[in-house]
Amino acid sequence: MRPEMTDTKGITRAERLAGEIADAILAGDLAPGSRLDEAGLAARYGVSRTPVREALRQLAATGLIDAKPRRGASVSHVTSRQLETLFVAMGEIEATCARLAAISMTPIERRRLEALHERMGETAARNEEAVYAEANVAFHTMIYAGANNAVISDIATGLRRRLSPFRRAQFRAPGRLTLSHGEHDAVVKAVLRGDAATAHAAMLRHVSLVEDAFEQLAQVAPHRAGG
């Protein structure tokens, strides 16, 4: 990856652009069925077509857009049922990761998780949405890694990639950062004391509340393809 394509936080220009396009789709600025022209998007966001092409590729992996060879890309019609199915799967997989992490995490992994959680509390208190959202990815990735099961971790990562635009959008809900951190707190405490059953239940509840937060936003946003 070329250095000029990465900012000081390690986020590539394409990744940041993908987030901005996803936000526009979820806010209803880009309606379901809308064509996504590379040149038009490049002009809209003031970038070259190269990061646009990569951003669209990333978004296609989430299912938020539909990209077909020689036919271009368009905003997908994502139904409530499709999202519900994905969130249920995500909740079950992440809860399993949390349960295994409570059993399998090494002492240094537990200390790193606790330290990140504490920093995220400070970020939530300052209401720094973008910073918290990026740290949130790191938090959940630590849980996946802490499960010490490569197969389950890969499944969790793949599901998270598909849901990433929706999970990120939840942080626009009023007070969501503080609530999210409180939900994480229950997970972290259970993992640190090795309480597998409670870690599983706390993570399952957290993911269900993430879905609820997104649902609340969807009720006031014009984008909710398929009803």
C-alpha atoms as a PDB file:
ATOM      1  CA  MET A   1       0.000   0.000   0.000  1.00  0.00           C
ATOM      2  CA  ARG A   2       1.477   3.369  -0.950  1.00  0.00           C
ATOM      3  CA  PRO A   3       2.233   5.607   2.071  1.00  0.00           C
ATOM      4  CA  GLU A   4       0.363   8.591   0.601  1.00  0.00           C
ATOM      5  CA  MET A   5      -2.802   6.523   0.588  1.00  0.00           C
ATOM      6  CA  THR A   6      -2.824   6.180   4.375  1.00  0.00           C
ATOM      7  CA  ASP A   7      -3.551   8.853   6.999  1.00  0.00           C
ATOM      8  CA  THR A   8      -1.903   9.201  10.413  1.00  0.00           C
ATOM      9  CA  LYS A   9      -4.390   6.781  12.010  1.00  0.00           C
ATOM     10  CA  GLY A  10      -3.647   4.037   9.503  1.00  0.00           C
ATOM     11  CA  ILE A  11      -6.946   4.445   7.673  1.00  0.00           C
ATOM     12  CA  THR A  12      -6.595   4.387   3.916  1.00  0.00           C
ATOM     13  CA  ARG A  13      -8.219   7.025   1.748  1.00  0.00           C
ATOM     14  CA  ALA A  14     -10.433   4.345   0.220  1.00  0.00           C
ATOM     15  CA  GLU A  15     -11.576   3.093   3.641  1.00  0.00           C
ATOM     16  CA  ARG A  16     -12.462   6.612   4.750  1.00  0.00           C
ATOM     17  CA  LEU A  17     -14.237   7.250   1.461  1.00  0.00           C
ATOM     18  CA  ALA A  18     -16.162   3.991   1.793  1.00  0.00           C
ATOM     19  CA  GLY A  19     -17.372   5.183   5.187  1.00  0.00           C
ATOM     20  CA  GLU A  20     -18.488   8.519   3.765  1.00  0.00           C
ATOM     21  CA  ILE A  21     -20.361   6.884   0.883  1.00  0.00           C
ATOM     22  CA  ALA A  22     -21.973   4.408   3.307  1.00  0.00           C
ATOM     23  CA  ASP A  23     -23.082   7.290   5.528  1.00  0.00           C
ATOM     24  CA  ALA A  24     -24.638   9.024   2.506  1.00  0.00           C
ATOM     25  CA  ILE A  25     -26.514   5.841   1.587  1.00  0.00           C
ATOM     26  CA  LEU A  26     -27.776   5.229   5.121  1.00  0.00           C
ATOM     27  CA  ALA A  27     -28.813   8.881   5.468  1.00  0.00           C
ATOM     28  CA  GLY A  28     -30.851   8.600   2.272  1.00  0.00           C
ATOM     29  CA  ASP A  29     -28.707  10.980   0.211  1.00  0.00           C
ATOM     30  CA  LEU A  30     -28.047   8.076  -2.164  1.00  0.00           C
ATOM     31  CA  ALA A  31     -31.324   6.202  -2.556  1.00  0.00           C
ATOM     32  CA  PRO A  32     -31.728   2.463  -3.228  1.00  0.00           C
ATOM     33  CA  GLY A  33     -31.294   1.776  -6.927  1.00  0.00           C
ATOM     34  CA  SER A  34     -29.187   4.892  -7.501  1.00  0.00           C
ATOM     35  CA  ARG A  35     -26.313   4.456  -9.923  1.00  0.00           C
ATOM     36  CA  LEU A  36     -22.888   5.050  -8.435  1.00  0.00           C
ATOM     37  CA  ASP A  37     -20.738   6.597 -11.136  1.00  0.00           C
ATOM     38  CA  GLU A  38     -17.009   6.604 -10.381  1.00  0.00           C
ATOM     39  CA  ALA A  39     -16.402   9.961 -12.026  1.00  0.00           C
ATOM     40  CA  GLY A  40     -19.367  11.543 -10.260  1.00  0.00           C
ATOM     41  CA  LEU A  41     -18.299  10.219  -6.872  1.00  0.00           C
ATOM     42  CA  ALA A  42     -14.714  11.348  -7.456  1.00  0.00           C
ATOM     43  CA  ALA A  43     -15.968  14.879  -8.175  1.00  0.00           C
ATOM     44  CA  ARG A  44     -18.368  14.818  -5.220  1.00  0.00           C
ATOM     45  CA  TYR A  45     -15.688  13.848  -2.714  1.00  0.00           C
ATOM     46  CA  GLY A  46     -12.740  15.614  -4.331  1.00  0.00           C
ATOM     47  CA  VAL A  47     -10.627  12.524  -4.941  1.00  0.00           C
ATOM     48  CA  SER A  48      -9.304  10.575  -7.904  1.00  0.00           C
ATOM     49  CA  ARG A  49     -11.154   7.603  -9.320  1.00  0.00           C
ATOM     50  CA  THR A  50      -8.664   5.111  -7.835  1.00  0.00           C
ATOM     51  CA  PRO A  51      -9.843   5.372  -4.195  1.00  0.00           C
ATOM     52  CA  VAL A  52     -13.452   5.533  -5.437  1.00  0.00           C
ATOM     53  CA  ARG A  53     -12.998   2.214  -7.242  1.00  0.00           C
ATOM     54  CA  GLU A  54     -11.519   0.609  -4.107  1.00  0.00           C
ATOM     55  CA  ALA A  55     -14.214   2.105  -1.866  1.00  0.00           C
ATOM     56  CA  LEU A  56     -16.936   0.658  -4.080  1.00  0.00           C
ATOM     57  CA  ARG A  57     -15.234  -2.730  -3.960  1.00  0.00           C
ATOM     58  CA  GLN A  58     -15.249  -2.593  -0.161  1.00  0.00           C
ATOM     59  CA  LEU A  59     -18.899  -1.565  -0.036  1.00  0.00           C
ATOM     60  CA  ALA A  60     -19.864  -4.344  -2.430  1.00  0.00           C
ATOM     61  CA  ALA A  61     -18.459  -6.815   0.119  1.00  0.00           C
ATOM     62  CA  THR A  62     -20.896  -5.444   2.721  1.00  0.00           C
ATOM     63  CA  GLY A  63     -23.895  -5.855   0.420  1.00  0.00           C
ATOM     64  CA  LEU A  64     -24.689  -2.146   0.728  1.00  0.00           C
ATOM     65  CA  ILE A  65     -24.081  -1.688  -2.986  1.00  0.00           C
ATOM     66  CA  ASP A  66     -24.492  -4.001  -5.954  1.00  0.00           C
ATOM     67  CA  ALA A  67     -21.495  -4.022  -8.311  1.00  0.00           C
ATOM     68  CA  LYS A  68     -21.516  -6.007 -11.523  1.00  0.00           C
ATOM     69  CA  PRO A  69     -18.807  -6.273 -14.207  1.00  0.00           C
ATOM     70  CA  ARG A  70     -19.409  -3.918 -17.135  1.00  0.00           C
ATOM     71  CA  ARG A  71     -22.670  -2.756 -15.548  1.00  0.00           C
ATOM     72  CA  GLY A  72     -21.290  -0.498 -12.831  1.00  0.00           C
ATOM     73  CA  ALA A  73     -22.495  -0.135  -9.265  1.00  0.00           C
ATOM     74  CA  SER A  74     -25.767   0.890  -7.683  1.00  0.00           C
ATOM     75  CA  VAL A  75     -27.187   1.232  -4.166  1.00  0.00           C
ATOM     76  CA  SER A  76     -28.655  -2.094  -3.044  1.00  0.00           C
ATOM     77  CA  HIS A  77     -32.191  -2.664  -1.841  1.00  0.00           C
ATOM     78  CA  VAL A  78     -31.381  -4.013   1.623  1.00  0.00           C
ATOM     79  CA  THR A  79     -34.481  -5.355   3.353  1.00  0.00           C
ATOM     80  CA  SER A  80     -35.282  -5.348   7.055  1.00  0.00           C
ATOM     81  CA  ARG A  81     -35.352  -9.141   6.989  1.00  0.00           C
ATOM     82  CA  GLN A  82     -31.853  -9.334   5.487  1.00  0.00           C
ATOM     83  CA  LEU A  83     -30.473  -7.032   8.172  1.00  0.00           C
ATOM     84  CA  GLU A  84     -32.248  -8.915  10.930  1.00  0.00           C
ATOM     85  CA  THR A  85     -30.756 -12.194   9.716  1.00  0.00           C
ATOM     86  CA  LEU A  86     -27.261 -10.727   9.639  1.00  0.00           C
ATOM     87  CA  PHE A  87     -27.571  -9.167  13.090  1.00  0.00           C
ATOM     88  CA  VAL A  88     -28.825 -12.429  14.592  1.00  0.00           C
ATOM     89  CA  ALA A  89     -25.851 -14.287  13.094  1.00  0.00           C
ATOM     90  CA  MET A  90     -23.457 -11.540  14.231  1.00  0.00           C
ATOM     91  CA  GLY A  91     -24.825 -11.644  17.770  1.00  0.00           C
ATOM     92  CA  GLU A  92     -24.452 -15.384  18.076  1.00  0.00           C
ATOM     93  CA  ILE A  93     -20.920 -15.422  16.668  1.00  0.00           C
ATOM     94  CA  GLU A  94     -19.703 -12.464  18.744  1.00  0.00           C
ATOM     95  CA  ALA A  95     -21.261 -13.927  21.881  1.00  0.00           C
ATOM     96  CA  THR A  96     -19.372 -17.159  21.205  1.00  0.00           C
ATOM     97  CA  CYS A  97     -16.154 -15.173  20.753  1.00  0.00           C
ATOM     98  CA  ALA A  98     -16.738 -13.400  24.074  1.00  0.00           C
ATOM     99  CA  ARG A  99     -17.400 -16.704  25.847  1.00  0.00           C
ATOM    100  CA  LEU A 100     -14.221 -18.236  24.449  1.00  0.00           C
ATOM    101  CA  ALA A 101     -12.238 -15.068  25.180  1.00  0.00           C
ATOM    102  CA  ALA A 102     -13.251 -15.292  28.846  1.00  0.00           C
ATOM    103  CA  ILE A 103     -11.737 -18.773  28.881  1.00  0.00           C
ATOM    104  CA  SER A 104      -8.788 -18.391  26.546  1.00  0.00           C
ATOM    105  CA  MET A 105      -7.434 -14.824  26.668  1.00  0.00           C
ATOM    106  CA  THR A 106      -3.891 -14.515  27.946  1.00  0.00           C
ATOM    107  CA  PRO A 107      -3.108 -12.113  30.807  1.00  0.00           C
ATOM    108  CA  ILE A 108      -1.533  -9.588  28.431  1.00  0.00           C
ATOM    109  CA  GLU A 109      -4.537  -9.785  26.090  1.00  0.00           C
ATOM    110  CA  ARG A 110      -6.835  -9.078  29.039  1.00  0.00           C
ATOM    111  CA  ARG A 111      -4.737  -6.064  30.091  1.00  0.00           C
ATOM    112  CA  ARG A 112      -4.792  -4.670  26.563  1.00  0.00           C
ATOM    113  CA  LEU A 113      -8.555  -5.120  26.345  1.00  0.00           C
ATOM    114  CA  GLU A 114      -9.027  -3.357  29.679  1.00  0.00           C
ATOM    115  CA  ALA A 115      -6.741  -0.480  28.642  1.00  0.00           C
ATOM    116  CA  LEU A 116      -8.557   0.021  25.334  1.00  0.00           C
ATOM    117  CA  HIS A 117     -11.900  -0.059  27.121  1.00  0.00           C
ATOM    118  CA  GLU A 118     -10.736   2.667  29.504  1.00  0.00           C
ATOM    119  CA  ARG A 119      -9.568   4.878  26.622  1.00  0.00           C
ATOM    120  CA  MET A 120     -12.883   4.357  24.862  1.00  0.00           C
ATOM    121  CA  GLY A 121     -14.665   5.570  27.987  1.00  0.00           C
ATOM    122  CA  GLU A 122     -12.756   8.838  27.768  1.00  0.00           C
ATOM    123  CA  THR A 123     -13.563   9.085  24.049  1.00  0.00           C
ATOM    124  CA  ALA A 124     -17.260   8.476  24.716  1.00  0.00           C
ATOM    125  CA  ALA A 125     -17.263  11.162  27.410  1.00  0.00           C
ATOM    126  CA  ARG A 126     -15.881  13.638  24.866  1.00  0.00           C
ATOM    127  CA  ASN A 127     -18.502  12.445  22.349  1.00  0.00           C
ATOM    128  CA  GLU A 128     -15.847  11.850  19.680  1.00  0.00           C
ATOM    129  CA  GLU A 129     -17.929   9.729  17.339  1.00  0.00           C
ATOM    130  CA  ALA A 130     -15.358   9.021  14.618  1.00  0.00           C
ATOM    131  CA  VAL A 131     -12.587   8.169  17.088  1.00  0.00           C
ATOM    132  CA  TYR A 132     -14.898   5.927  19.096  1.00  0.00           C
ATOM    133  CA  ALA A 133     -16.135   4.144  15.972  1.00  0.00           C
ATOM    134  CA  GLU A 134     -12.571   3.281  14.944  1.00  0.00           C
ATOM    135  CA  ALA A 135     -11.670   2.142  18.463  1.00  0.00           C
ATOM    136  CA  ASN A 136     -14.849   0.061  18.517  1.00  0.00           C
ATOM    137  CA  VAL A 137     -13.578  -2.005  15.602  1.00  0.00           C
ATOM    138  CA  ALA A 138     -10.339  -2.615  17.507  1.00  0.00           C
ATOM    139  CA  PHE A 139     -12.310  -3.608  20.619  1.00  0.00           C
ATOM    140  CA  HIS A 140     -14.377  -6.245  18.859  1.00  0.00           C
ATOM    141  CA  THR A 141     -11.326  -7.480  16.922  1.00  0.00           C
ATOM    142  CA  MET A 142      -9.563  -8.042  20.263  1.00  0.00           C
ATOM    143  CA  ILE A 143     -12.496 -10.186  21.395  1.00  0.00           C
ATOM    144  CA  TYR A 144     -12.323 -12.231  18.182  1.00  0.00           C
ATOM    145  CA  ALA A 145      -8.583 -12.753  18.576  1.00  0.00           C
ATOM    146  CA  GLY A 146      -8.998 -13.564  22.262  1.00  0.00           C
ATOM    147  CA  ALA A 147     -11.252 -16.471  21.383  1.00  0.00           C
ATOM    148  CA  ASN A 148      -8.137 -18.190  20.025  1.00  0.00           C
ATOM    149  CA  ASN A 149     -10.124 -19.979  17.354  1.00  0.00           C
ATOM    150  CA  ALA A 150      -9.122 -18.924  13.843  1.00  0.00           C
ATOM    151  CA  VAL A 151     -12.228 -20.347  12.170  1.00  0.00           C
ATOM    152  CA  ILE A 152     -14.685 -18.526  14.429  1.00  0.00           C
ATOM    153  CA  SER A 153     -12.592 -15.354  14.244  1.00  0.00           C
ATOM    154  CA  ASP A 154     -12.684 -15.424  10.443  1.00  0.00           C
ATOM    155  CA  ILE A 155     -16.462 -15.886  10.449  1.00  0.00           C
ATOM    156  CA  ALA A 156     -16.892 -12.999  12.892  1.00  0.00           C
ATOM    157  CA  THR A 157     -14.653 -10.744  10.813  1.00  0.00           C
ATOM    158  CA  GLY A 158     -16.552 -11.556   7.632  1.00  0.00           C
ATOM    159  CA  LEU A 159     -19.928 -10.843   9.233  1.00  0.00           C
ATOM    160  CA  ARG A 160     -18.656  -7.635  10.744  1.00  0.00           C
ATOM    161  CA  ARG A 161     -17.420  -6.501   7.325  1.00  0.00           C
ATOM    162  CA  ARG A 162     -20.903  -7.003   5.896  1.00  0.00           C
ATOM    163  CA  LEU A 163     -22.544  -5.099   8.750  1.00  0.00           C
ATOM    164  CA  SER A 164     -19.889  -2.411   9.211  1.00  0.00           C
ATOM    165  CA  PRO A 165     -21.825   0.488   7.602  1.00  0.00           C
ATOM    166  CA  PHE A 166     -24.881  -0.264   9.729  1.00  0.00           C
ATOM    167  CA  ARG A 167     -22.894  -0.727  12.934  1.00  0.00           C
ATOM    168  CA  ARG A 168     -21.047   2.519  12.368  1.00  0.00           C
ATOM    169  CA  ALA A 169     -24.279   4.413  11.670  1.00  0.00           C
ATOM    170  CA  GLN A 170     -25.657   3.536  15.132  1.00  0.00           C
ATOM    171  CA  PHE A 171     -23.250   6.005  16.722  1.00  0.00           C
ATOM    172  CA  ARG A 172     -25.256   8.884  15.267  1.00  0.00           C
ATOM    173  CA  ALA A 173     -28.070   8.044  17.707  1.00  0.00           C
ATOM    174  CA  PRO A 174     -28.149  10.494  20.655  1.00  0.00           C
ATOM    175  CA  GLY A 175     -26.217   9.207  23.654  1.00  0.00           C
ATOM    176  CA  ARG A 176     -25.230   6.018  21.848  1.00  0.00           C
ATOM    177  CA  LEU A 177     -21.492   6.288  22.589  1.00  0.00           C
ATOM    178  CA  THR A 178     -22.072   6.304  26.350  1.00  0.00           C
ATOM    179  CA  LEU A 179     -24.566   3.443  26.105  1.00  0.00           C
ATOM    180  CA  SER A 180     -22.206   1.416  23.914  1.00  0.00           C
ATOM    181  CA  HIS A 181     -19.387   1.863  26.399  1.00  0.00           C
ATOM    182  CA  GLY A 182     -21.634   0.699  29.215  1.00  0.00           C
ATOM    183  CA  GLU A 183     -22.534  -2.413  27.245  1.00  0.00           C
ATOM    184  CA  HIS A 184     -18.850  -3.052  26.589  1.00  0.00           C
ATOM    185  CA  ASP A 185     -18.190  -2.672  30.312  1.00  0.00           C
ATOM    186  CA  ALA A 186     -20.356  -5.688  31.096  1.00  0.00           C
ATOM    187  CA  VAL A 187     -18.491  -7.736  28.484  1.00  0.00           C
ATOM    188  CA  VAL A 188     -15.043  -6.631  29.654  1.00  0.00           C
ATOM    189  CA  LYS A 189     -15.722  -7.314  33.338  1.00  0.00           C
ATOM    190  CA  ALA A 190     -16.967 -10.802  32.545  1.00  0.00           C
ATOM    191  CA  VAL A 191     -13.993 -11.569  30.314  1.00  0.00           C
ATOM    192  CA  LEU A 192     -11.495 -10.263  32.879  1.00  0.00           C
ATOM    193  CA  ARG A 193     -12.892 -12.478  35.630  1.00  0.00           C
ATOM    194  CA  GLY A 194     -13.165 -15.468  33.322  1.00  0.00           C
ATOM    195  CA  ASP A 195     -16.953 -15.667  33.539  1.00  0.00           C
ATOM    196  CA  ALA A 196     -17.750 -17.285  30.194  1.00  0.00           C
ATOM    197  CA  ALA A 197     -21.536 -17.491  30.587  1.00  0.00           C
ATOM    198  CA  THR A 198     -21.909 -13.841  31.554  1.00  0.00           C
ATOM    199  CA  ALA A 199     -19.534 -12.711  28.783  1.00  0.00           C
ATOM    200  CA  HIS A 200     -21.672 -14.601  26.259  1.00  0.00           C
ATOM    201  CA  ALA A 201     -24.913 -13.058  27.539  1.00  0.00           C
ATOM    202  CA  ALA A 202     -23.457  -9.548  27.745  1.00  0.00           C
ATOM    203  CA  MET A 203     -22.142  -9.626  24.185  1.00  0.00           C
ATOM    204  CA  LEU A 204     -25.391 -11.038  22.828  1.00  0.00           C
ATOM    205  CA  ARG A 205     -27.291  -8.226  24.535  1.00  0.00           C
ATOM    206  CA  HIS A 206     -24.813  -5.651  23.199  1.00  0.00           C
ATOM    207  CA  VAL A 207     -25.224  -6.704  19.570  1.00  0.00           C
ATOM    208  CA  SER A 208     -29.024  -6.755  19.931  1.00  0.00           C
ATOM    209  CA  LEU A 209     -28.895  -3.181  21.253  1.00  0.00           C
ATOM    210  CA  VAL A 210     -26.662  -2.163  18.337  1.00  0.00           C
ATOM    211  CA  GLU A 211     -29.393  -3.410  16.031  1.00  0.00           C
ATOM    212  CA  ASP A 212     -32.018  -1.528  18.044  1.00  0.00           C
ATOM    213  CA  ALA A 213     -30.006   1.694  17.800  1.00  0.00           C
ATOM    214  CA  PHE A 214     -29.744   1.344  14.038  1.00  0.00           C
ATOM    215  CA  GLU A 215     -33.468   0.569  13.788  1.00  0.00           C
ATOM    216  CA  GLN A 216     -34.241   3.806  15.636  1.00  0.00           C
ATOM    217  CA  LEU A 217     -32.138   5.776  13.171  1.00  0.00           C
ATOM    218  CA  ALA A 218     -33.756   3.996  10.230  1.00  0.00           C
ATOM    219  CA  GLN A 219     -37.198   5.076  11.396  1.00  0.00           C
ATOM    220  CA  VAL A 220     -36.269   8.739  10.999  1.00  0.00           C
ATOM    221  CA  ALA A 221     -33.993   8.372   7.958  1.00  0.00           C
ATOM    222  CA  PRO A 222     -35.477   8.131   4.457  1.00  0.00           C
ATOM    223  CA  HIS A 223     -33.319   5.095   3.591  1.00  0.00           C
ATOM    224  CA  ARG A 224     -34.835   1.784   4.595  1.00  0.00           C
ATOM    225  CA  ALA A 225     -34.920  -0.237   1.447  1.00  0.00           C
ATOM    226  CA  GLY A 226     -37.536  -2.940   1.354  1.00  0.00           C
ATOM    227  CA  GLY A 227     -39.323  -1.618   4.468  1.00  0.00           C
END
